Amino acid sequence: MRISTQSFYEQSLQAMGLQQQKLFKVQQQLATNSKFLSAGDDPVGAARALGVGQTLAESAQFTTSRQRAALALSTEENALNSVTAILQNVKTLVVQAGGGGLSDADRGSIATAIQSSLEQLVGVANSDNGNGQYLFAGFKSGSPPFVMAAGGGVQYVGDQGERLMQIDVARQMSTSDDGRSIFQSVQGGAGYVASSASANTGSGVFGAVSTTDATAANYGKDFTIRFTGTDYTVMTKDTPPVLAASGPFTAGKPISFGGVQVAISGTPANGDSFDVSTAKNAGTDIFAALGELVTALRAPLNGGGEAAQAQLRNALSTANVKVTNAHDNVLTVISSVGSRQVELEALDSAAAMNKLQEESYLSSIENLDPYTAISEFYQRQASLQATQMTFARLNSISLFNYL
């Protein structure tokens, strides 16, 4: 069969072009360390690689979110640690104020120190994250959550919104706690708080309130102990009030009612009264409690007699319980923050292991076997050279060479 010169050249060029194309593809695979250069090379493998790549990208986004959440929680933890230090210092000052032999000036100095602690506490409660976002303002993070009220005291103007962050496929985490739940709340198990009426004229001083029977019918209600002559009556604060207990008063003997008991020493005057209320109804605002404590310490006692001394002792006892309840509440929030930080660390650890597995799987799909690829490269190179040499030899053949 005769092959025209044109057909010979076309077929030879086509063969060499095909060999060069295959060689170039292997070179690209070696350069990119990838089995396929386009989805057309391996549609199934490309689809799998795309899915794994998307999973890794999503995981990277969650990792970034967890880092941001960890930073926010760490900032909150630092602020709450400052709060606990302030409250511990206040408790120490309350104990000092209850010591004997203090003058009005001494108590005034302690009141000034507590007032300074109150101002520090407000400052910490209005902490921000360094970017102008207030930590304890809820969703209203653009402005300070605590402001001085017109009539005195501190008012919360934030809200109770939780700033949630998506930290995993099916997990959202709160990265903040609102100021009301930290500074104006107590734990459900905080118990009872006793206080004396400001109009009391006797020397009655209450002791600690203890629980005797949490299953009692009136347990969990608020009570008022009122003295009439040498007798007492205990009424609930229901509407209408219900008699919880009554009897003759004996100084230092516990008075039992509603599953709790409290001992009152001294001599209450006719008409004196004491409140025994659950912590949540006794006033949960730590700023208000410190303000009341400062006022009590600045009231002069010289010439006030036993009644004034009793009022001070009762005020200190009430303040001590309220500060302790607030301190316990903050510690609970810190524990919650710590639990969330532990969860973030666990998710990071799991994500790191998953990332290694996904990357290994992606490598098995995409990455080139260098030994196989190099072997194929040399094979393609040899094939191209053989085709070129064949073309050159055949192209040089002519009948004139045999004449």
Protein backbone atom coordinates (compact mmCIF):
# COMPACT_ATOMS: atom_id res chain seq x y z
CA MET A 1 0.00 0.00 0.00
CA ARG A 2 1.34 3.39 -0.94
CA ILE A 3 1.48 6.08 1.77
CA SER A 4 1.70 9.59 0.50
CA THR A 5 4.34 11.91 1.90
CA GLN A 6 1.63 14.18 3.33
CA SER A 7 -0.08 11.31 5.15
CA PHE A 8 3.27 10.15 6.48
CA TYR A 9 4.03 13.56 7.91
CA GLU A 10 0.54 13.94 9.38
CA GLN A 11 0.60 10.57 11.06
CA SER A 12 4.10 11.10 12.40
CA LEU A 13 3.27 14.54 13.75
CA GLN A 14 0.09 13.22 15.30
CA ALA A 15 1.98 10.36 16.99
CA MET A 16 4.68 12.67 18.31
CA GLY A 17 2.05 15.19 19.49
CA LEU A 18 0.20 12.49 21.37
CA GLN A 19 3.40 11.29 23.00
CA GLN A 20 4.35 14.86 23.96
CA GLN A 21 0.87 15.45 25.39
CA LYS A 22 1.12 12.34 27.56
CA LEU A 23 4.63 13.28 28.66
CA PHE A 24 3.51 16.85 29.49
CA LYS A 25 0.59 15.50 31.55
CA VAL A 26 2.94 13.34 33.62
CA GLN A 27 5.24 16.34 34.09
CA GLN A 28 2.29 18.42 35.36
CA GLN A 29 1.23 15.64 37.70
CA LEU A 30 4.74 15.51 39.12
CA ALA A 31 4.84 19.30 39.47
CA THR A 32 1.47 19.48 41.28
CA ASN A 33 1.80 16.11 43.08
CA SER A 34 -1.77 15.40 41.99
CA LYS A 35 -3.25 12.35 40.31
CA PHE A 36 -5.65 14.42 38.23
CA LEU A 37 -5.29 17.86 36.74
CA SER A 38 -8.98 18.32 36.01
CA ALA A 39 -12.24 16.68 37.00
CA GLY A 40 -12.30 14.98 33.62
CA ASP A 41 -9.23 12.94 34.53
CA ASP A 42 -11.08 11.23 37.41
CA PRO A 43 -14.67 12.42 37.91
CA VAL A 44 -15.32 10.21 40.94
CA GLY A 45 -12.02 11.10 42.61
CA ALA A 46 -12.52 14.80 41.90
CA ALA A 47 -15.99 14.72 43.47
CA ARG A 48 -14.65 12.97 46.55
CA ALA A 49 -11.75 15.39 46.84
CA LEU A 50 -14.13 18.34 46.54
CA GLY A 51 -16.32 16.96 49.34
CA VAL A 52 -13.35 16.38 51.62
CA GLY A 53 -11.99 19.84 50.83
CA GLN A 54 -15.30 21.42 51.77
CA THR A 55 -15.34 19.46 55.02
CA LEU A 56 -11.83 20.69 55.85
CA ALA A 57 -12.77 24.28 55.03
CA GLU A 58 -15.85 24.06 57.25
CA SER A 59 -13.76 22.55 60.03
CA ALA A 60 -11.29 25.44 59.71
CA GLN A 61 -14.16 27.92 60.11
CA PHE A 62 -15.35 26.15 63.26
CA THR A 63 -11.79 26.17 64.58
CA THR A 64 -11.65 29.93 64.08
CA SER A 65 -15.01 30.29 65.84
CA ARG A 66 -13.77 28.24 68.79
CA GLN A 67 -10.67 30.40 69.04
CA ARG A 68 -12.85 33.51 69.18
CA ALA A 69 -15.13 31.86 71.74
CA ALA A 70 -12.14 30.85 73.87
CA LEU A 71 -10.82 34.42 73.79
CA ALA A 72 -14.22 35.83 74.82
CA LEU A 73 -14.57 33.33 77.68
CA SER A 74 -11.00 33.98 78.83
CA THR A 75 -11.70 37.72 78.94
CA GLU A 76 -14.89 37.11 80.95
CA GLU A 77 -13.07 34.77 83.30
CA ASN A 78 -10.44 37.42 84.04
CA ALA A 79 -13.16 39.96 84.83
CA LEU A 80 -15.02 37.52 87.09
CA ASN A 81 -11.80 36.68 88.94
CA SER A 82 -11.47 40.40 89.67
CA VAL A 83 -15.05 40.39 90.97
CA THR A 84 -14.32 37.52 93.37
CA ALA A 85 -11.21 39.32 94.65
CA ILE A 86 -13.26 42.48 95.31
CA LEU A 87 -16.02 40.56 97.13
CA GLN A 88 -13.50 38.63 99.23
CA ASN A 89 -11.95 41.94 100.26
CA VAL A 90 -15.41 43.30 101.19
CA LYS A 91 -16.09 40.23 103.34
CA THR A 92 -12.82 40.86 105.17
CA LEU A 93 -13.83 44.48 105.75
CA VAL A 94 -17.25 43.39 107.08
CA VAL A 95 -15.54 41.16 109.63
CA GLN A 96 -13.27 44.03 110.64
CA ALA A 97 -16.25 46.34 111.02
CA GLY A 98 -17.86 43.89 113.43
CA GLY A 99 -14.86 43.97 115.76
CA GLY A 100 -15.21 45.62 119.13
CA GLY A 101 -13.58 48.86 120.14
CA LEU A 102 -13.99 50.64 116.80
CA SER A 103 -14.81 54.33 116.82
CA ASP A 104 -17.13 56.08 114.42
CA ALA A 105 -14.04 57.31 112.56
CA ASP A 106 -12.75 53.75 112.25
CA ARG A 107 -16.05 52.56 110.83
CA GLY A 108 -16.08 55.58 108.53
CA SER A 109 -12.71 54.51 107.14
CA ILE A 110 -14.00 51.01 106.55
CA ALA A 111 -17.09 52.48 104.88
CA THR A 112 -14.83 54.49 102.57
CA ALA A 113 -12.88 51.34 101.67
CA ILE A 114 -16.12 49.48 100.91
CA GLN A 115 -17.36 52.42 98.84
CA SER A 116 -14.12 52.19 96.85
CA SER A 117 -14.71 48.47 96.38
CA LEU A 118 -18.24 49.23 95.18
CA GLU A 119 -16.88 51.63 92.57
CA GLN A 120 -14.30 49.05 91.50
CA LEU A 121 -17.07 46.48 91.20
CA VAL A 122 -19.11 48.77 88.95
CA GLY A 123 -16.00 49.34 86.84
CA VAL A 124 -15.41 45.61 86.40
CA ALA A 125 -19.12 45.07 85.66
CA ASN A 126 -18.71 47.61 82.84
CA SER A 127 -15.61 45.91 81.40
CA ASP A 128 -15.29 45.62 77.64
CA ASN A 129 -13.36 43.24 75.41
CA GLY A 130 -10.97 45.87 74.06
CA ASN A 131 -13.09 46.40 70.96
CA GLY A 132 -15.77 48.50 72.59
CA GLN A 133 -18.10 45.55 73.25
CA TYR A 134 -19.18 45.38 76.89
CA LEU A 135 -18.88 41.90 78.39
CA PHE A 136 -21.97 41.81 80.59
CA ALA A 137 -24.48 43.85 78.57
CA GLY A 138 -26.22 41.00 76.76
CA PHE A 139 -27.23 42.06 73.24
CA LYS A 140 -26.83 45.75 74.16
CA SER A 141 -23.07 45.42 74.10
CA GLY A 142 -22.47 48.84 72.58
CA SER A 143 -23.04 50.75 75.84
CA PRO A 144 -22.16 50.24 79.54
CA PRO A 145 -24.66 47.88 81.17
CA PHE A 146 -24.56 49.50 84.62
CA VAL A 147 -25.26 53.18 85.23
CA MET A 148 -25.81 55.31 88.32
CA ALA A 149 -29.56 55.73 88.91
CA ALA A 150 -31.04 59.19 89.44
CA GLY A 151 -32.06 58.41 93.02
CA GLY A 152 -28.77 56.71 93.86
CA GLY A 153 -27.71 53.13 93.44
CA VAL A 154 -26.72 51.24 90.31
CA GLN A 155 -29.17 50.30 87.55
CA TYR A 156 -28.78 47.57 84.94
CA VAL A 157 -29.66 48.86 81.47
CA GLY A 158 -28.47 45.88 79.45
CA ASP A 159 -30.60 42.86 78.61
CA GLN A 160 -30.40 39.14 79.25
CA GLY A 161 -29.50 38.13 75.71
CA GLU A 162 -26.98 35.35 75.15
CA ARG A 163 -24.38 35.93 72.46
CA LEU A 164 -24.15 32.53 70.79
CA MET A 165 -21.40 31.32 68.51
CA GLN A 166 -21.49 28.30 66.18
CA ILE A 167 -18.52 26.25 67.37
CA ASP A 168 -19.35 22.94 65.66
CA VAL A 169 -21.78 21.46 63.19
CA ALA A 170 -24.55 20.98 65.76
CA ARG A 171 -23.31 23.06 68.70
CA GLN A 172 -23.85 26.70 69.57
CA MET A 173 -22.17 28.07 72.68
CA SER A 174 -22.87 31.16 74.74
CA THR A 175 -19.70 33.26 74.90
CA SER A 176 -21.01 35.76 77.46
CA ASP A 177 -23.16 36.08 80.58
CA ASP A 178 -25.42 39.02 81.22
CA GLY A 179 -24.80 41.37 84.13
CA ARG A 180 -28.13 40.76 85.83
CA SER A 181 -27.46 37.04 86.23
CA ILE A 182 -24.02 37.81 87.69
CA PHE A 183 -24.43 40.91 89.86
CA GLN A 184 -28.16 40.92 90.62
CA SER A 185 -28.95 37.23 91.14
CA VAL A 186 -28.38 34.43 93.64
CA GLN A 187 -28.31 30.67 93.33
CA GLY A 188 -31.50 28.73 93.94
CA GLY A 189 -30.01 27.05 97.00
CA ALA A 190 -28.83 30.28 98.64
CA GLY A 191 -31.18 29.84 101.60
CA TYR A 192 -32.61 32.55 103.83
CA VAL A 193 -31.47 36.07 104.69
CA ALA A 194 -32.44 37.76 107.95
CA SER A 195 -32.67 41.52 108.48
CA SER A 196 -33.95 43.90 111.12
CA ALA A 197 -36.47 46.70 110.61
CA SER A 198 -34.94 50.18 110.57
CA ALA A 199 -37.48 51.31 113.18
CA ASN A 200 -36.40 48.77 115.80
CA THR A 201 -35.62 50.34 119.19
CA GLY A 202 -34.60 47.26 121.15
CA SER A 203 -31.30 45.43 121.42
CA GLY A 204 -32.38 42.27 119.61
CA VAL A 205 -29.68 40.74 117.42
CA PHE A 206 -30.43 37.78 115.15
CA GLY A 207 -28.10 34.89 114.46
CA ALA A 208 -27.71 32.67 111.42
CA VAL A 209 -30.80 31.19 109.82
CA SER A 210 -30.59 27.41 109.51
CA THR A 211 -32.83 24.92 107.74
CA THR A 212 -34.43 22.22 109.89
CA ASP A 213 -37.02 20.71 107.55
CA ALA A 214 -37.07 21.52 103.84
CA THR A 215 -40.32 19.57 103.50
CA ALA A 216 -42.26 21.76 105.94
CA ALA A 217 -45.51 23.26 104.66
CA ASN A 218 -44.35 26.88 104.75
CA TYR A 219 -40.74 26.25 103.72
CA GLY A 220 -39.68 28.58 100.94
CA LYS A 221 -41.99 31.42 102.04
CA ASP A 222 -40.94 34.77 103.49
CA PHE A 223 -41.62 35.54 107.16
CA THR A 224 -41.83 38.42 109.62
CA ILE A 225 -41.05 37.94 113.31
CA ARG A 226 -42.83 40.60 115.42
CA PHE A 227 -42.50 41.15 119.15
CA THR A 228 -45.34 42.18 121.40
CA GLY A 229 -44.29 42.54 124.98
CA THR A 230 -42.47 39.34 125.89
CA ASP A 231 -44.08 37.28 123.13
CA TYR A 232 -43.37 36.81 119.45
CA THR A 233 -45.43 35.89 116.42
CA VAL A 234 -44.15 34.70 113.08
CA MET A 235 -46.35 35.49 110.08
CA THR A 236 -45.84 34.62 106.46
CA LYS A 237 -45.76 37.46 103.93
CA ASP A 238 -48.63 35.91 102.03
CA THR A 239 -51.78 37.85 101.24
CA PRO A 240 -53.44 37.40 103.66
CA PRO A 241 -50.62 36.53 106.11
CA VAL A 242 -50.61 33.11 107.76
CA LEU A 243 -49.51 32.47 111.32
CA ALA A 244 -46.40 30.27 111.21
CA ALA A 245 -45.40 30.27 114.90
CA SER A 246 -45.89 32.13 118.19
CA GLY A 247 -44.90 31.90 121.82
CA PRO A 248 -43.01 33.52 124.68
CA PHE A 249 -39.60 34.92 123.77
CA THR A 250 -36.43 33.61 125.39
CA ALA A 251 -33.20 35.35 124.43
CA GLY A 252 -30.84 33.01 122.55
CA LYS A 253 -33.41 30.24 122.18
CA PRO A 254 -34.03 29.31 118.53
CA ILE A 255 -37.41 30.28 117.10
CA SER A 256 -38.62 27.60 114.69
CA PHE A 257 -41.06 28.18 111.84
CA GLY A 258 -41.59 27.05 108.25
CA GLY A 259 -38.79 24.50 108.36
CA VAL A 260 -36.15 27.00 109.51
CA GLN A 261 -34.97 28.44 112.82
CA VAL A 262 -33.16 31.53 114.02
CA ALA A 263 -31.99 32.60 117.45
CA ILE A 264 -32.35 36.20 118.60
CA SER A 265 -30.28 37.49 121.48
CA GLY A 266 -30.70 40.69 123.45
CA THR A 267 -34.01 42.28 124.30
CA PRO A 268 -36.28 43.24 121.42
CA ALA A 269 -38.58 46.14 122.20
CA ASN A 270 -42.32 46.06 121.85
CA GLY A 271 -43.16 46.37 118.13
CA ASP A 272 -39.69 45.40 116.90
CA SER A 273 -39.65 43.11 113.87
CA PHE A 274 -37.25 41.01 111.86
CA ASP A 275 -37.62 39.71 108.32
CA VAL A 276 -36.54 36.21 107.33
CA SER A 277 -36.81 35.99 103.56
CA THR A 278 -35.52 33.73 100.84
CA ALA A 279 -32.34 35.06 99.28
CA LYS A 280 -34.07 35.83 95.97
CA ASN A 281 -36.67 37.99 97.78
CA ALA A 282 -34.31 39.58 100.28
CA GLY A 283 -32.55 41.67 97.62
CA THR A 284 -30.14 40.10 95.18
CA ASP A 285 -28.45 43.29 93.94
CA ILE A 286 -24.89 43.26 95.25
CA PHE A 287 -24.47 46.97 94.44
CA ALA A 288 -27.50 47.83 96.58
CA ALA A 289 -26.24 45.58 99.38
CA LEU A 290 -22.86 47.33 99.45
CA GLY A 291 -24.54 50.73 99.34
CA GLU A 292 -26.69 49.80 102.36
CA LEU A 293 -23.60 48.54 104.15
CA VAL A 294 -21.75 51.81 103.57
CA THR A 295 -24.73 53.76 104.91
CA ALA A 296 -24.91 51.58 108.04
CA LEU A 297 -21.20 51.98 108.75
CA ARG A 298 -21.31 55.75 108.39
CA ALA A 299 -24.16 56.13 110.86
CA PRO A 300 -22.64 57.40 114.16
CA LEU A 301 -23.02 55.14 117.19
CA ASN A 302 -21.70 57.38 119.93
CA GLY A 303 -24.57 57.94 122.33
CA GLY A 304 -26.82 55.57 120.39
CA GLY A 305 -26.85 52.93 123.10
CA GLU A 306 -27.60 49.24 122.70
CA ALA A 307 -30.26 49.80 120.06
CA ALA A 308 -27.78 51.46 117.68
CA GLN A 309 -25.21 48.75 118.34
CA ALA A 310 -27.82 46.10 117.58
CA GLN A 311 -28.82 47.81 114.33
CA LEU A 312 -25.18 47.86 113.22
CA ARG A 313 -24.58 44.22 114.11
CA ASN A 314 -27.74 43.18 112.29
CA ALA A 315 -26.80 45.27 109.23
CA LEU A 316 -23.36 43.66 109.16
CA SER A 317 -24.85 40.16 109.43
CA THR A 318 -27.30 40.84 106.60
CA ALA A 319 -24.56 42.33 104.42
CA ASN A 320 -22.25 39.41 105.12
CA VAL A 321 -24.86 36.88 103.98
CA LYS A 322 -25.71 38.89 100.86
CA VAL A 323 -22.05 39.33 99.90
CA THR A 324 -21.47 35.61 100.46
CA ASN A 325 -24.47 34.75 98.26
CA ALA A 326 -23.21 37.10 95.54
CA HIS A 327 -19.73 35.61 95.79
CA ASP A 328 -21.12 32.08 95.50
CA ASN A 329 -23.16 33.15 92.47
CA VAL A 330 -20.08 34.55 90.74
CA LEU A 331 -18.15 31.37 91.50
CA THR A 332 -20.96 29.39 89.87
CA VAL A 333 -20.71 31.54 86.74
CA ILE A 334 -16.93 31.06 86.72
CA SER A 335 -17.51 27.31 86.93
CA SER A 336 -19.86 27.56 83.94
CA VAL A 337 -17.23 29.52 82.00
CA GLY A 338 -14.65 26.87 82.86
CA SER A 339 -16.97 24.08 81.68
CA ARG A 340 -17.41 25.84 78.35
CA GLN A 341 -13.64 26.26 78.02
CA VAL A 342 -13.15 22.54 78.66
CA GLU A 343 -15.75 21.76 76.00
CA LEU A 344 -13.91 23.99 73.52
CA GLU A 345 -10.65 22.18 74.23
CA ALA A 346 -12.36 18.81 73.74
CA LEU A 347 -13.87 19.95 70.44
CA ASP A 348 -10.49 21.28 69.30
CA SER A 349 -8.85 17.96 70.14
CA ALA A 350 -11.51 15.99 68.28
CA ALA A 351 -11.34 18.39 65.34
CA ALA A 352 -7.55 17.99 65.12
CA MET A 353 -7.90 14.20 64.92
CA ASN A 354 -10.67 14.47 62.34
CA LYS A 355 -8.53 16.87 60.33
CA LEU A 356 -5.67 14.39 60.21
CA GLN A 357 -8.03 11.66 59.05
CA GLU A 358 -9.64 13.85 56.39
CA GLU A 359 -6.26 15.08 55.15
CA SER A 360 -5.02 11.49 54.97
CA TYR A 361 -8.09 10.49 52.98
CA LEU A 362 -7.72 13.51 50.71
CA SER A 363 -4.08 12.61 50.18
CA SER A 364 -5.03 9.10 49.15
CA ILE A 365 -7.45 10.56 46.60
CA GLU A 366 -5.33 13.38 45.17
CA ASN A 367 -1.68 12.81 45.87
CA LEU A 368 0.46 11.17 43.27
CA ASP A 369 2.58 8.05 43.85
CA PRO A 370 5.99 9.53 42.95
CA TYR A 371 7.59 6.18 42.09
CA THR A 372 4.83 5.23 39.67
CA ALA A 373 4.76 8.73 38.18
CA ILE A 374 8.54 8.88 37.67
CA SER A 375 8.52 5.45 36.07
CA GLU A 376 5.72 6.56 33.72
CA PHE A 377 7.61 9.79 32.98
CA TYR A 378 10.67 7.90 31.78
CA GLN A 379 8.47 5.52 29.82
CA ARG A 380 6.70 8.40 28.07
CA GLN A 381 10.00 10.11 27.43
CA ALA A 382 11.46 6.95 25.90
CA SER A 383 8.34 6.49 23.74
CA LEU A 384 8.58 10.08 22.48
CA GLN A 385 12.27 9.71 21.69
CA ALA A 386 11.62 6.42 19.87
CA THR A 387 8.84 8.04 17.81
CA GLN A 388 11.09 10.98 16.95
CA MET A 389 13.97 8.71 15.94
CA THR A 390 11.61 6.52 13.84
CA PHE A 391 10.32 9.58 12.05
CA ALA A 392 13.80 10.85 11.42
CA ARG A 393 15.02 7.50 10.02
CA LEU A 394 12.00 6.98 7.79
CA ASN A 395 12.14 10.55 6.60
CA SER A 396 15.75 10.06 5.43
CA ILE A 397 14.98 6.98 3.29
CA SER A 398 15.05 7.68 -0.48
CA LEU A 399 15.52 5.56 -3.63
CA PHE A 400 18.20 7.92 -4.67
CA ASN A 401 20.32 6.53 -1.90
CA TYR A 402 20.41 3.18 -3.70
CA LEU A 403 21.16 4.34 -7.22
